[in-house]
Amino acid sequence: MLSLRRRLGWLIRHWVGLVAAMPLGRVLTDPAVKVARERTQQVCHGDVTLTLAVPNSLSLWRAMTFSSKEPETLEWIDGLSSGSTMWDVGANVGLYSCYAALRGCEVFAFEPSVFNLEMLARNVYLNGVEHAVTVVPLALTDETGAATLKMTSTEWGGAQSSFGVDYGFNGADLDVTFEYRTTGVSIADVISVLGFKMPNHVKIDVDGIDHLVLRGGQDVLASVQSVLIEVDEQHIRQVEEVTMYLNAAGMTLVNKQHSKMFDDGPYASCYTQTWIR
């Protein structure tokens, strides 16, 4: 026999579901969703002010830690010449895409998560950079074709997903909570098949398959000026292949760092590497 607490819990969940399904329930719940979606937060970094959508606590945290979470990424973007073409591979909700656009770059923002794409598009619009940012709802990988996007979170602003593999950012098995089939494309085919503009600079942060992204674009990488890429040093295969592919492209590692907030914990071995020609 179910305990009284479990029975009450079931009844409450069942009632909430019924109410939400009824016309009156939609009247009660829809405004809350609308308010969440339209909530914004202003962020200032240097001489740039961004307006970011913050419908949940995770996206608010991303906004509030904008200047401190990845200072190396902001420093790299600050060094890009106005008019440069930047690819943001694994754009998430577009914080760095929008910042780069406001700094004068043309940006192609690659993001396959259906949950993050909405926020990415909202942030582009909120910052008036829709003329400068192209949202590309595709995963980048080594070969063009369909595969499964495996996700650890369905939250707005969630990360730690992998396309076409079973492992995460550190090479360990992924704790999957949601997945679906979608399309991946190689860097080479983005240029030759889709006809995209060649990048001057490439930022890659795709939580574990960063080396596969590089593998799919050797000819393109041979002409870019710099690459910013996240590498976890526990993921030995990734470390070795990133080094091999970027050295083969004629690039040199000039810096690796992470924010002080990652000195301890699960991301202590994860660094952002800067490679230049």
Foldseek 3Di string as FASTA:
>chain_A
DDDPVVVVVVVVVVVLVVLCPDPNSVVVPVVLQVVLQPDWDWADDDPDIFIFRGSDPLSVVCRVCVCFFFVVLVVVLLPDDAAFEEEEAQCQLPPSVLVSVVVRYQYEYEAQQPLNVVRNVVRCVRSVRPVRYHYHNAHEFQAKDKFKWFAPDSHRRGAFIDTRDQAWQLRDGGPGDDMDMDIYHAPVCCCVPVVDDQGQEYEHDHTHRSLRNLNNDLVSLLRHFKYKYKHQVNNPVSVVSVVVSNVSSVKDWDDWDGGPVLCDDPCVRIIIIMIGD
